[in-house]
N, C-alpha and C. Protein backbone atom coordinates (compact mmCIF):
# COMPACT_ATOMS: atom_id res chain seq x y z
N MET A 1 2.17 17.99 -3.02
CA MET A 1 1.73 16.44 -3.89
C MET A 1 2.28 15.18 -3.08
N VAL A 2 1.72 13.92 -3.08
CA VAL A 2 2.18 12.90 -2.98
C VAL A 2 3.00 12.31 -3.64
N ALA A 3 4.14 11.24 -3.31
CA ALA A 3 5.18 10.80 -4.20
C ALA A 3 4.83 9.68 -5.01
N CYS A 4 3.78 8.97 -4.60
CA CYS A 4 3.11 7.49 -5.13
C CYS A 4 2.01 7.80 -5.90
N LEU A 5 1.90 7.23 -6.70
CA LEU A 5 1.02 7.19 -8.15
C LEU A 5 0.91 8.65 -9.05
N GLY A 6 1.56 9.21 -8.44
CA GLY A 6 1.88 10.52 -9.19
C GLY A 6 1.53 10.34 -10.98
N ARG A 7 2.01 9.05 -11.20
CA ARG A 7 1.54 8.90 -12.97
C ARG A 7 0.30 8.45 -13.05
N ILE A 8 -0.58 8.20 -12.07
CA ILE A 8 -2.07 7.99 -12.16
C ILE A 8 -2.81 9.28 -12.20
N ASP A 9 -2.51 9.71 -10.80
CA ASP A 9 -3.20 10.84 -11.06
C ASP A 9 -2.31 11.99 -9.92
N GLN A 10 -2.24 13.51 -10.00
CA GLN A 10 -2.16 14.03 -8.93
C GLN A 10 -3.10 14.54 -8.16
N PHE A 11 -2.87 14.71 -6.82
CA PHE A 11 -3.80 15.32 -6.06
C PHE A 11 -3.64 15.85 -4.78
N GLU A 12 -4.35 16.81 -4.06
CA GLU A 12 -3.96 17.51 -2.72
C GLU A 12 -4.56 16.46 -1.86
N PRO A 13 -4.19 15.87 -0.96
CA PRO A 13 -4.41 15.21 -0.01
C PRO A 13 -5.61 15.68 1.04
N LYS A 14 -6.67 14.80 1.26
CA LYS A 14 -7.46 15.42 2.43
C LYS A 14 -6.93 15.12 3.81
N TYR A 15 -5.99 14.46 4.15
CA TYR A 15 -5.54 13.60 5.22
C TYR A 15 -4.33 14.65 5.50
N THR A 16 -4.86 15.79 6.02
CA THR A 16 -3.75 16.85 6.29
C THR A 16 -3.48 16.85 7.73
N HIS A 17 -4.22 15.97 8.36
CA HIS A 17 -3.87 16.21 10.04
C HIS A 17 -2.04 15.44 10.30
N MET A 18 -1.71 14.63 9.21
CA MET A 18 -0.55 13.73 9.59
C MET A 18 0.60 14.81 9.30
N THR A 19 1.40 14.99 10.57
CA THR A 19 2.35 16.23 10.67
C THR A 19 3.58 15.32 10.74
N THR A 20 4.00 14.38 10.98
CA THR A 20 5.37 13.02 11.22
C THR A 20 5.20 12.29 10.28
N PRO A 21 6.20 11.95 9.25
CA PRO A 21 6.07 11.04 8.18
C PRO A 21 6.43 9.77 9.20
N PHE A 22 6.25 8.58 8.99
CA PHE A 22 6.72 7.65 9.49
C PHE A 22 7.98 6.64 8.59
N HIS A 23 8.63 5.85 9.22
CA HIS A 23 9.55 5.23 8.47
C HIS A 23 9.24 3.46 8.96
N LEU A 24 9.44 2.70 7.75
CA LEU A 24 9.61 1.15 7.99
C LEU A 24 10.25 0.60 7.04
N ALA A 25 11.12 0.12 7.57
CA ALA A 25 12.29 -0.96 6.82
C ALA A 25 11.79 -2.58 6.78
N PHE A 26 11.81 -2.80 5.95
CA PHE A 26 11.27 -4.32 5.92
C PHE A 26 11.93 -5.16 4.84
N PRO A 27 11.67 -6.84 4.92
CA PRO A 27 12.79 -7.37 4.15
C PRO A 27 12.28 -7.65 2.72
N VAL A 28 13.30 -7.45 1.39
CA VAL A 28 12.65 -7.96 0.40
C VAL A 28 13.74 -9.16 -0.09
N LYS A 29 13.48 -9.67 -1.36
CA LYS A 29 14.45 -10.68 -2.09
C LYS A 29 15.09 -10.22 -2.64
N ASP A 30 14.84 -9.43 -3.72
CA ASP A 30 16.09 -8.60 -4.12
C ASP A 30 15.80 -7.20 -4.70
N ILE A 31 16.69 -6.37 -5.25
CA ILE A 31 16.18 -5.10 -5.16
C ILE A 31 15.73 -4.71 -6.96
N ALA A 32 15.92 -5.59 -7.78
CA ALA A 32 15.24 -5.18 -9.13
C ALA A 32 14.18 -5.50 -9.28
N SER A 33 13.35 -6.42 -8.39
CA SER A 33 11.71 -6.53 -8.33
C SER A 33 11.32 -5.53 -7.58
N THR A 34 11.85 -5.27 -6.68
CA THR A 34 11.34 -4.27 -5.59
C THR A 34 11.27 -2.76 -5.77
N ARG A 35 12.38 -2.24 -6.80
CA ARG A 35 12.27 -1.24 -7.65
C ARG A 35 11.16 -1.03 -8.58
N SER A 36 11.05 -2.10 -9.31
CA SER A 36 10.24 -2.31 -10.38
C SER A 36 8.79 -2.31 -9.96
N PHE A 37 8.59 -2.80 -8.73
CA PHE A 37 7.11 -2.81 -8.16
C PHE A 37 6.91 -1.50 -7.58
N PHE A 38 7.56 -0.76 -6.44
CA PHE A 38 7.15 0.08 -6.19
C PHE A 38 7.26 1.61 -6.90
N GLY A 39 8.52 1.25 -7.51
CA GLY A 39 8.76 2.28 -8.58
C GLY A 39 7.83 3.01 -9.65
N ASP A 40 8.01 1.18 -10.31
CA ASP A 40 7.30 1.68 -11.66
C ASP A 40 6.09 1.60 -11.58
N LEU A 41 5.49 0.28 -10.81
CA LEU A 41 3.87 0.10 -10.83
C LEU A 41 3.24 1.23 -9.80
N LEU A 42 3.64 1.17 -8.58
CA LEU A 42 3.07 2.03 -7.89
C LEU A 42 3.40 3.64 -7.75
N GLY A 43 4.66 4.06 -8.85
CA GLY A 43 4.82 5.16 -8.67
C GLY A 43 5.63 5.90 -7.98
N CYS A 44 6.03 5.23 -7.02
CA CYS A 44 6.99 5.85 -5.82
C CYS A 44 8.19 6.37 -6.35
N ASP A 45 8.39 7.76 -6.07
CA ASP A 45 9.78 8.42 -5.91
C ASP A 45 11.07 7.68 -5.39
N ILE A 46 12.06 7.10 -5.78
CA ILE A 46 13.06 6.27 -5.50
C ILE A 46 14.16 7.32 -4.68
N GLY A 47 14.68 6.76 -3.37
CA GLY A 47 15.51 8.00 -2.92
C GLY A 47 16.96 6.89 -2.87
N ARG A 48 17.34 7.28 -1.83
CA ARG A 48 19.08 6.72 -1.62
C ARG A 48 19.03 4.97 -2.13
N SER A 49 19.74 4.61 -2.41
CA SER A 49 19.78 3.00 -2.80
C SER A 49 21.37 2.34 -3.01
N THR A 50 21.42 1.11 -2.35
CA THR A 50 22.79 0.48 -2.53
C THR A 50 22.02 -1.46 -3.24
N ASP A 51 23.46 -2.02 -3.78
CA ASP A 51 22.73 -3.14 -4.13
C ASP A 51 21.90 -3.88 -2.82
N LYS A 52 21.58 -3.60 -1.70
CA LYS A 52 21.69 -4.03 -0.31
C LYS A 52 20.12 -3.61 0.03
N TRP A 53 19.94 -2.36 -0.29
CA TRP A 53 18.70 -1.53 0.49
C TRP A 53 18.51 -0.51 -0.56
N ILE A 54 17.06 0.17 -0.40
CA ILE A 54 16.36 0.94 -1.01
C ILE A 54 15.42 1.58 -0.91
N ASP A 55 15.43 3.04 -0.68
CA ASP A 55 14.76 3.96 -0.10
C ASP A 55 13.21 4.42 -1.11
N PHE A 56 12.02 4.51 -0.60
CA PHE A 56 10.95 4.72 -1.14
C PHE A 56 10.14 5.94 -0.71
N ASN A 57 9.81 7.09 -1.63
CA ASN A 57 8.90 7.88 -1.10
C ASN A 57 7.21 7.42 -1.16
N PHE A 58 6.76 6.55 -0.33
CA PHE A 58 5.18 6.19 -0.11
C PHE A 58 4.79 7.27 0.30
N PHE A 59 3.96 8.05 -0.28
CA PHE A 59 3.04 8.88 0.19
C PHE A 59 3.41 10.11 1.62
N GLY A 60 5.02 10.32 1.24
CA GLY A 60 5.21 11.09 1.85
C GLY A 60 6.22 10.66 3.47
N HIS A 61 6.31 9.13 3.38
CA HIS A 61 6.67 8.50 4.31
C HIS A 61 7.68 7.63 3.73
N GLN A 62 8.79 7.39 4.76
CA GLN A 62 9.79 6.59 3.98
C GLN A 62 10.01 5.05 4.42
N LEU A 63 10.00 4.54 3.00
CA LEU A 63 10.02 2.97 2.94
C LEU A 63 11.36 2.49 2.54
N SER A 64 12.28 1.76 3.54
CA SER A 64 13.41 1.23 3.22
C SER A 64 13.32 -0.27 3.28
N ALA A 65 13.32 -0.73 1.79
CA ALA A 65 13.07 -2.23 1.61
C ALA A 65 15.05 -2.82 1.61
N HIS A 66 15.37 -3.91 2.67
CA HIS A 66 16.52 -4.30 2.69
C HIS A 66 16.71 -5.74 1.92
N VAL A 67 17.68 -6.30 1.23
CA VAL A 67 17.72 -7.28 0.59
C VAL A 67 17.80 -8.42 1.89
N LYS A 68 17.09 -9.45 2.09
CA LYS A 68 17.35 -10.04 3.38
C LYS A 68 16.21 -11.33 3.63
N PRO A 69 16.37 -12.09 2.05
CA PRO A 69 15.52 -12.93 1.61
C PRO A 69 14.86 -14.13 2.92
N GLU A 70 16.02 -14.44 4.19
CA GLU A 70 15.68 -15.02 4.86
C GLU A 70 14.80 -14.54 5.95
N GLU A 71 14.51 -13.61 5.99
CA GLU A 71 13.43 -12.81 6.90
C GLU A 71 12.40 -12.76 6.21
N LEU A 72 12.13 -13.43 4.78
CA LEU A 72 10.90 -13.26 4.46
C LEU A 72 9.85 -14.83 5.08
N SER A 73 8.35 -14.47 4.86
CA SER A 73 7.94 -15.65 5.60
C SER A 73 6.43 -15.69 5.23
N LYS A 74 5.68 -16.53 4.85
CA LYS A 74 4.23 -16.48 4.68
C LYS A 74 3.79 -15.64 5.44
N ALA A 75 2.97 -14.94 5.17
CA ALA A 75 1.72 -14.37 6.36
C ALA A 75 0.62 -14.81 7.08
N HIS A 76 0.31 -14.94 7.79
CA HIS A 76 -1.06 -15.43 8.92
C HIS A 76 -1.56 -14.42 8.19
N ALA A 77 -2.85 -14.75 8.48
CA ALA A 77 -4.46 -14.09 8.32
C ALA A 77 -5.37 -14.09 9.65
N ASN A 78 -6.11 -13.32 9.33
CA ASN A 78 -6.94 -13.07 10.97
C ASN A 78 -8.41 -12.60 9.82
N ASP A 79 -9.57 -13.33 10.51
CA ASP A 79 -10.63 -13.02 9.89
C ASP A 79 -11.31 -11.76 10.19
N VAL A 80 -11.50 -10.84 9.27
CA VAL A 80 -12.08 -9.43 9.01
C VAL A 80 -12.81 -9.48 7.73
N ASP A 81 -14.29 -9.06 8.42
CA ASP A 81 -15.53 -9.15 7.82
C ASP A 81 -15.21 -10.10 6.59
N GLY A 82 -15.24 -11.38 7.18
CA GLY A 82 -15.21 -12.75 6.28
C GLY A 82 -14.16 -12.58 5.37
N LYS A 83 -13.15 -12.13 5.53
CA LYS A 83 -12.04 -12.02 4.64
C LYS A 83 -10.62 -12.61 5.82
N ASN A 84 -9.81 -13.37 4.57
CA ASN A 84 -8.67 -13.62 5.55
C ASN A 84 -7.40 -12.64 5.22
N VAL A 85 -7.39 -11.81 6.40
CA VAL A 85 -6.66 -10.45 6.08
C VAL A 85 -5.36 -10.79 6.45
N PRO A 86 -4.19 -10.59 5.63
CA PRO A 86 -2.70 -10.67 6.19
C PRO A 86 -2.53 -10.04 7.67
N VAL A 87 -2.02 -10.82 8.58
CA VAL A 87 -1.73 -9.64 9.94
C VAL A 87 -0.40 -9.02 9.53
N ARG A 88 0.35 -9.34 8.94
CA ARG A 88 1.64 -8.84 8.67
C ARG A 88 1.24 -7.70 7.26
N HIS A 89 1.04 -6.17 7.50
CA HIS A 89 0.70 -5.52 6.45
C HIS A 89 0.93 -4.05 6.31
N PHE A 90 1.28 -3.72 5.32
CA PHE A 90 1.57 -2.26 5.22
C PHE A 90 0.67 -1.52 4.26
N GLY A 91 0.67 -0.45 3.86
CA GLY A 91 -0.23 0.39 3.11
C GLY A 91 -0.30 1.72 3.07
N ALA A 92 -1.28 2.17 2.53
CA ALA A 92 -1.84 3.71 2.51
C ALA A 92 -2.95 3.94 2.43
N VAL A 93 -3.88 5.12 3.22
CA VAL A 93 -5.18 5.22 2.95
C VAL A 93 -5.15 6.72 2.09
N LEU A 94 -5.82 6.38 0.55
CA LEU A 94 -5.93 7.24 -0.23
C LEU A 94 -7.03 7.75 -0.80
N GLU A 95 -7.54 9.17 -0.99
CA GLU A 95 -8.39 9.73 -1.80
C GLU A 95 -9.34 8.45 -2.22
N TRP A 96 -10.73 8.74 -2.29
CA TRP A 96 -11.62 7.70 -3.14
C TRP A 96 -11.47 7.66 -4.36
N GLN A 97 -11.14 8.44 -5.06
CA GLN A 97 -10.87 8.39 -6.62
C GLN A 97 -9.75 7.60 -6.84
N GLN A 98 -8.70 8.17 -6.34
CA GLN A 98 -7.05 7.57 -6.32
C GLN A 98 -7.08 6.17 -5.91
N TRP A 99 -8.07 5.71 -5.17
CA TRP A 99 -7.89 4.44 -4.88
C TRP A 99 -8.77 3.72 -5.84
N HIS A 100 -9.61 4.15 -6.53
CA HIS A 100 -10.23 3.39 -7.63
C HIS A 100 -9.24 3.17 -8.78
N ASN A 101 -8.68 4.26 -8.99
CA ASN A 101 -7.29 4.76 -10.02
C ASN A 101 -6.56 3.23 -9.73
N LEU A 102 -6.26 3.32 -8.70
CA LEU A 102 -5.25 2.32 -8.37
C LEU A 102 -5.67 0.76 -8.74
N ALA A 103 -7.16 0.68 -8.27
CA ALA A 103 -7.64 -0.69 -8.21
C ALA A 103 -7.35 -0.91 -9.90
N ASP A 104 -7.92 0.11 -10.47
CA ASP A 104 -8.38 -0.23 -12.05
C ASP A 104 -6.77 -0.54 -12.87
N LYS A 105 -5.86 0.15 -12.07
CA LYS A 105 -4.10 -0.02 -12.93
C LYS A 105 -3.82 -1.33 -12.42
N LEU A 106 -4.25 -1.77 -11.12
CA LEU A 106 -3.76 -3.32 -10.71
C LEU A 106 -4.07 -4.24 -11.59
N ARG A 107 -5.32 -4.16 -11.60
CA ARG A 107 -6.25 -5.20 -12.51
C ARG A 107 -5.94 -5.14 -13.98
N ALA A 108 -5.32 -3.86 -14.62
CA ALA A 108 -4.97 -4.00 -15.94
C ALA A 108 -3.76 -4.83 -16.26
N HIS A 109 -3.18 -4.72 -15.05
CA HIS A 109 -1.66 -5.34 -14.84
C HIS A 109 -1.76 -6.86 -14.15
N ASP A 110 -2.77 -7.42 -14.02
CA ASP A 110 -3.34 -8.94 -13.95
C ASP A 110 -2.62 -9.03 -12.58
N THR A 111 -2.82 -8.04 -11.56
CA THR A 111 -2.61 -8.20 -10.18
C THR A 111 -3.14 -10.00 -9.67
N ASP A 112 -2.41 -10.36 -8.84
CA ASP A 112 -3.07 -11.71 -8.09
C ASP A 112 -3.41 -11.00 -6.68
N PHE A 113 -4.54 -10.63 -6.55
CA PHE A 113 -5.06 -10.03 -5.34
C PHE A 113 -5.04 -11.05 -4.24
N VAL A 114 -4.57 -10.62 -2.81
CA VAL A 114 -4.89 -11.79 -1.75
C VAL A 114 -6.37 -11.33 -1.48
N ILE A 115 -6.98 -9.71 -1.43
CA ILE A 115 -8.05 -9.70 -1.15
C ILE A 115 -8.80 -8.80 -2.31
N GLU A 116 -9.63 -8.99 -3.14
CA GLU A 116 -10.06 -8.11 -4.30
C GLU A 116 -10.61 -7.23 -3.79
N PRO A 117 -10.23 -6.14 -5.02
CA PRO A 117 -11.08 -4.47 -4.35
C PRO A 117 -12.31 -4.54 -3.95
N TYR A 118 -12.87 -4.53 -2.71
CA TYR A 118 -14.40 -4.37 -2.73
C TYR A 118 -14.58 -3.38 -1.46
N ILE A 119 -15.84 -2.99 -1.03
CA ILE A 119 -16.43 -1.92 0.08
C ILE A 119 -16.33 -2.94 1.29
N ARG A 120 -15.65 -2.54 2.18
CA ARG A 120 -15.96 -3.21 3.67
C ARG A 120 -16.65 -2.39 4.52
N PHE A 121 -17.31 -3.42 5.42
CA PHE A 121 -18.27 -2.36 6.28
C PHE A 121 -19.18 -1.84 5.59
N GLU A 122 -19.89 -1.89 4.53
CA GLU A 122 -20.49 -1.43 4.19
C GLU A 122 -21.97 -1.03 4.63
N GLY A 123 -22.08 0.51 4.54
CA GLY A 123 -23.27 0.53 5.44
C GLY A 123 -23.38 1.02 6.98
N GLU A 124 -21.98 0.79 7.45
CA GLU A 124 -21.18 0.60 9.04
C GLU A 124 -20.62 2.08 8.86
N VAL A 125 -20.38 2.22 10.26
CA VAL A 125 -19.72 3.24 10.51
C VAL A 125 -17.85 2.34 10.28
N GLY A 126 -16.92 3.38 9.65
CA GLY A 126 -15.76 2.88 9.16
C GLY A 126 -16.14 2.51 7.75
N GLU A 127 -17.23 2.87 6.85
CA GLU A 127 -17.49 1.80 5.72
C GLU A 127 -15.87 2.30 4.61
N GLN A 128 -15.46 1.33 4.21
CA GLN A 128 -13.95 1.95 3.58
C GLN A 128 -13.90 0.86 2.10
N ALA A 129 -13.37 1.54 1.14
CA ALA A 129 -12.73 0.74 0.25
C ALA A 129 -11.27 0.25 0.41
N THR A 130 -11.11 -1.15 0.08
CA THR A 130 -9.98 -2.04 0.77
C THR A 130 -9.67 -2.77 -0.64
N MET A 131 -8.37 -3.19 -0.59
CA MET A 131 -7.58 -4.11 -1.19
C MET A 131 -6.23 -4.85 -0.71
N PHE A 132 -5.91 -6.13 -1.03
CA PHE A 132 -4.59 -6.64 -0.48
C PHE A 132 -3.76 -7.41 -1.62
N PHE A 133 -2.76 -7.03 -1.38
CA PHE A 133 -2.17 -7.91 -2.81
C PHE A 133 -0.34 -7.72 -2.11
N LEU A 134 0.52 -8.61 -3.01
CA LEU A 134 1.64 -9.20 -2.48
C LEU A 134 2.65 -8.22 -3.34
N ASP A 135 3.82 -7.56 -2.77
CA ASP A 135 4.82 -7.19 -3.61
C ASP A 135 5.83 -8.75 -3.99
N PRO A 136 6.52 -8.48 -4.99
CA PRO A 136 7.45 -9.75 -5.32
C PRO A 136 7.81 -10.46 -4.39
N SER A 137 8.29 -9.88 -3.42
CA SER A 137 9.02 -10.65 -2.30
C SER A 137 7.71 -11.25 -1.27
N GLY A 138 6.41 -10.76 -1.59
CA GLY A 138 5.58 -11.63 -0.65
C GLY A 138 5.33 -10.71 0.39
N ASN A 139 5.44 -9.58 0.66
CA ASN A 139 4.95 -8.86 1.67
C ASN A 139 3.58 -8.16 1.51
N ALA A 140 2.74 -8.23 2.07
CA ALA A 140 1.39 -7.90 1.95
C ALA A 140 1.30 -6.51 1.98
N LEU A 141 0.58 -5.62 0.91
CA LEU A 141 0.32 -4.50 1.28
C LEU A 141 -1.24 -4.31 1.33
N GLU A 142 -2.09 -3.12 2.16
CA GLU A 142 -3.30 -2.97 1.48
C GLU A 142 -3.54 -1.12 1.45
N PHE A 143 -4.29 -0.90 0.82
CA PHE A 143 -4.71 0.09 0.16
C PHE A 143 -6.29 0.52 0.79
N LYS A 144 -6.52 1.20 1.43
CA LYS A 144 -8.34 1.78 1.59
C LYS A 144 -7.97 3.03 1.35
N SER A 145 -9.56 3.43 1.18
CA SER A 145 -10.18 4.65 1.30
C SER A 145 -11.40 4.84 2.06
N PHE A 146 -11.59 5.92 2.42
CA PHE A 146 -13.03 6.18 3.53
C PHE A 146 -13.72 7.11 1.90
N LYS A 147 -14.97 6.86 2.04
CA LYS A 147 -16.10 7.82 1.47
C LYS A 147 -16.10 9.35 2.22
N ASP A 148 -15.77 8.66 3.81
CA ASP A 148 -16.13 9.92 4.24
C ASP A 148 -14.97 9.88 5.24
N PRO A 149 -13.98 10.68 4.98
CA PRO A 149 -12.64 10.85 5.66
C PRO A 149 -12.61 11.10 7.29
N SER A 150 -13.65 11.49 7.41
CA SER A 150 -13.48 11.91 8.87
C SER A 150 -14.01 10.17 10.00
N GLN A 151 -14.06 9.27 9.20
CA GLN A 151 -14.29 8.11 9.85
C GLN A 151 -13.36 7.16 9.88
N ILE A 152 -12.01 7.63 9.51
CA ILE A 152 -10.44 7.01 9.33
C ILE A 152 -10.73 6.16 10.79
N PHE A 153 -10.42 7.21 11.89
CA PHE A 153 -10.49 6.36 13.24
C PHE A 153 -12.02 6.21 14.31
N ALA A 154 -13.01 6.06 13.06
CA ALA A 154 -14.56 5.90 14.06
C ALA A 154 -14.46 4.66 14.47
N LYS A 155 -15.22 4.91 15.67
CA LYS A 155 -15.60 3.29 16.22
C LYS A 155 -16.86 2.70 16.12
């Protein structure tokens, strides 16, 4: 089972070719809002923490949020499919229904999307559902899904 969004729905992921979890450390302004966002809203299990950092189980990967507000900056963007995509971002590839469940939950929580949930590259190779939003520290997150999971790396 995945560690995030477990409060929305449980599922066995189809993207089972991943064998090595990644680790990502990133800056945040404070622990409290970060814990609430990743733990409560996104449903990530919380690992070790201090007053300066907190670990999350992010879909089987280790996110380590470090309090370092001076490292935060406004995200720059590139044009992708006519949208201003934040250059620095991270996220997860979800199953189709799980992506829609998350989009519905975020809308219900009045999330201010950087890019509203939509279907990118519709009718083309690599067609995907995608959405971008910010955590409380301004870090950009992208969640996406492929109706055909075999196209995740398609050219």
